[in-house]
C-alpha atoms as a PDB file:
ATOM      1  CA  MET A   1       0.000   0.000   0.000  1.00  0.00           C
ATOM      2  CA  PRO A   2       2.851   2.518   0.389  1.00  0.00           C
ATOM      3  CA  GLY A   3       2.700   3.466  -3.318  1.00  0.00           C
ATOM      4  CA  LEU A   4      -0.982   4.260  -3.040  1.00  0.00           C
ATOM      5  CA  VAL A   5      -0.417   6.207   0.167  1.00  0.00           C
ATOM      6  CA  LEU A   6       2.531   8.140  -1.284  1.00  0.00           C
ATOM      7  CA  ASP A   7       0.506   9.058  -4.373  1.00  0.00           C
ATOM      8  CA  ALA A   8      -2.433  10.267  -2.268  1.00  0.00           C
ATOM      9  CA  CYS A   9      -0.141  12.287   0.002  1.00  0.00           C
ATOM     10  CA  ALA A  10       1.708  13.821  -2.953  1.00  0.00           C
ATOM     11  CA  THR A  11      -1.593  14.875  -4.499  1.00  0.00           C
ATOM     12  CA  ALA A  12      -2.505  16.476  -1.163  1.00  0.00           C
ATOM     13  CA  GLY A  13       0.812  18.352  -1.187  1.00  0.00           C
ATOM     14  CA  PHE A  14       3.027  16.564   1.319  1.00  0.00           C
ATOM     15  CA  SER A  15       5.382  13.615   1.710  1.00  0.00           C
ATOM     16  CA  PRO A  16       4.926  11.343   4.752  1.00  0.00           C
ATOM     17  CA  ASP A  17       7.772   9.898   6.797  1.00  0.00           C
ATOM     18  CA  PHE A  18       7.149   6.155   7.268  1.00  0.00           C
ATOM     19  CA  ALA A  19       8.520   4.512  10.403  1.00  0.00           C
ATOM     20  CA  VAL A  20       6.594   1.227  10.119  1.00  0.00           C
ATOM     21  CA  ASP A  21       4.793  -0.535   7.282  1.00  0.00           C
ATOM     22  CA  SER A  22       2.425  -3.337   8.294  1.00  0.00           C
ATOM     23  CA  GLU A  23       0.087  -5.460   6.226  1.00  0.00           C
ATOM     24  CA  ASP A  24      -1.559  -6.656   9.452  1.00  0.00           C
ATOM     25  CA  TYR A  25      -4.413  -4.267  10.159  1.00  0.00           C
ATOM     26  CA  ALA A  26      -4.828  -5.246  13.819  1.00  0.00           C
ATOM     27  CA  THR A  27      -1.123  -4.589  14.421  1.00  0.00           C
ATOM     28  CA  ALA A  28      -1.311  -1.262  12.595  1.00  0.00           C
ATOM     29  CA  GLN A  29      -4.273  -0.192  14.726  1.00  0.00           C
ATOM     30  CA  GLY A  30      -2.376  -1.244  17.864  1.00  0.00           C
ATOM     31  CA  LEU A  31       0.575   0.938  16.880  1.00  0.00           C
ATOM     32  CA  VAL A  32      -1.769   3.876  16.360  1.00  0.00           C
ATOM     33  CA  ALA A  33      -3.506   3.208  19.699  1.00  0.00           C
ATOM     34  CA  ALA A  34      -0.083   3.192  21.374  1.00  0.00           C
ATOM     35  CA  GLY A  35       0.485   6.736  20.105  1.00  0.00           C
ATOM     36  CA  LEU A  36       3.152   5.845  17.570  1.00  0.00           C
ATOM     37  CA  GLY A  37       1.551   7.746  14.693  1.00  0.00           C
ATOM     38  CA  ILE A  38      -1.331   7.482  12.287  1.00  0.00           C
ATOM     39  CA  GLY A  39      -2.220   4.749   9.849  1.00  0.00           C
ATOM     40  CA  MET A  40      -4.068   4.338   6.594  1.00  0.00           C
ATOM     41  CA  ILE A  41      -6.159   1.188   6.559  1.00  0.00           C
ATOM     42  CA  PRO A  42      -8.678   0.120   3.911  1.00  0.00           C
ATOM     43  CA  LEU A  43     -12.298  -0.214   4.975  1.00  0.00           C
ATOM     44  CA  THR A  44     -12.036  -4.004   4.794  1.00  0.00           C
ATOM     45  CA  GLY A  45      -9.368  -3.835   7.519  1.00  0.00           C
ATOM     46  CA  LEU A  46     -11.640  -1.896   9.867  1.00  0.00           C
ATOM     47  CA  ARG A  47     -14.301  -4.500  10.549  1.00  0.00           C
ATOM     48  CA  SER A  48     -13.068  -4.604  14.168  1.00  0.00           C
ATOM     49  CA  PRO A  49     -11.821  -1.102  15.005  1.00  0.00           C
ATOM     50  CA  HIS A  50      -9.440  -0.918  17.950  1.00  0.00           C
ATOM     51  CA  PRO A  51     -11.139   0.858  20.871  1.00  0.00           C
ATOM     52  CA  GLY A  52      -8.121   3.147  21.232  1.00  0.00           C
ATOM     53  CA  VAL A  53      -8.309   4.667  17.757  1.00  0.00           C
ATOM     54  CA  VAL A  54     -10.615   7.079  15.974  1.00  0.00           C
ATOM     55  CA  VAL A  55     -11.364   6.322  12.316  1.00  0.00           C
ATOM     56  CA  ARG A  56     -11.597   9.199   9.856  1.00  0.00           C
ATOM     57  CA  LYS A  57     -12.231   8.945   6.116  1.00  0.00           C
ATOM     58  CA  VAL A  58      -9.408  10.278   3.945  1.00  0.00           C
ATOM     59  CA  ARG A  59     -10.605  12.872   1.435  1.00  0.00           C
ATOM     60  CA  ARG A  60      -9.224  15.147  -1.288  1.00  0.00           C
ATOM     61  CA  PRO A  61      -8.016  12.872  -2.716  1.00  0.00           C
ATOM     62  CA  GLU A  62      -9.662   9.713  -1.490  1.00  0.00           C
ATOM     63  CA  PRO A  63      -7.259   6.810  -2.118  1.00  0.00           C
ATOM     64  CA  VAL A  64      -8.709   4.054  -4.296  1.00  0.00           C
ATOM     65  CA  ARG A  65      -7.307   0.589  -4.783  1.00  0.00           C
ATOM     66  CA  ALA A  66      -8.151  -2.074  -7.323  1.00  0.00           C
ATOM     67  CA  VAL A  67      -8.798  -5.633  -6.213  1.00  0.00           C
ATOM     68  CA  HIS A  68      -8.922  -8.385  -8.820  1.00  0.00           C
ATOM     69  CA  ALA A  69     -10.122 -11.968  -8.570  1.00  0.00           C
ATOM     70  CA  ALA A  70      -8.416 -14.583 -10.736  1.00  0.00           C
ATOM     71  CA  VAL A  71     -10.584 -17.538 -11.718  1.00  0.00           C
ATOM     72  CA  ARG A  72      -9.463 -20.444 -13.867  1.00  0.00           C
ATOM     73  CA  ASP A  73     -11.207 -20.133 -17.234  1.00  0.00           C
ATOM     74  CA  THR A  74     -12.279 -23.790 -17.105  1.00  0.00           C
ATOM     75  CA  ALA A  75     -13.540 -23.603 -13.502  1.00  0.00           C
ATOM     76  CA  PRO A  76     -17.102 -24.824 -13.095  1.00  0.00           C
ATOM     77  CA  ASP A  77     -19.693 -22.335 -11.875  1.00  0.00           C
ATOM     78  CA  THR A  78     -20.147 -23.721  -8.355  1.00  0.00           C
ATOM     79  CA  PRO A  79     -21.495 -22.116  -5.140  1.00  0.00           C
ATOM     80  CA  ALA A  80     -18.122 -21.560  -3.401  1.00  0.00           C
ATOM     81  CA  PRO A  81     -16.364 -19.415  -6.030  1.00  0.00           C
ATOM     82  CA  ARG A  82     -19.648 -17.741  -6.997  1.00  0.00           C
ATOM     83  CA  GLY A  83     -20.218 -16.817  -3.330  1.00  0.00           C
ATOM     84  CA  LEU A  84     -16.689 -15.425  -3.007  1.00  0.00           C
ATOM     85  CA  LEU A  85     -17.051 -13.317  -6.152  1.00  0.00           C
ATOM     86  CA  ASP A  86     -20.453 -12.044  -4.970  1.00  0.00           C
ATOM     87  CA  ALA A  87     -18.932 -11.090  -1.586  1.00  0.00           C
ATOM     88  CA  LEU A  88     -16.093  -9.227  -3.314  1.00  0.00           C
ATOM     89  CA  ARG A  89     -18.589  -7.339  -5.485  1.00  0.00           C
ATOM     90  CA  ASP A  90     -20.677  -6.440  -2.434  1.00  0.00           C
ATOM     91  CA  ALA A  91     -17.631  -5.209  -0.521  1.00  0.00           C
ATOM     92  CA  SER A  92     -16.442  -3.141  -3.468  1.00  0.00           C
ATOM     93  CA  VAL A  93     -19.525  -0.924  -3.548  1.00  0.00           C
ATOM     94  CA  ARG A  94     -19.135   0.276   0.060  1.00  0.00           C
END
């Protein structure tokens, strides 16, 4: 995510100084709750917000990320992959 964050920050007119980069959203929230800085976490990583943090939406510009699902072209149309793809579509419109 750092590329996306750097692009959003540059568009907003500043360059952040990263001390930690974590792909684990619970860990990132814990670092923020401990007072070690701020974090940018996608909505999907905020299903269980840490009680010690306040969540604010980033605006102007709002970072956007693309998520792709790869499915084998010969895969049968069965409930499991169909359910996963439906869940991804539902999450993407939030």
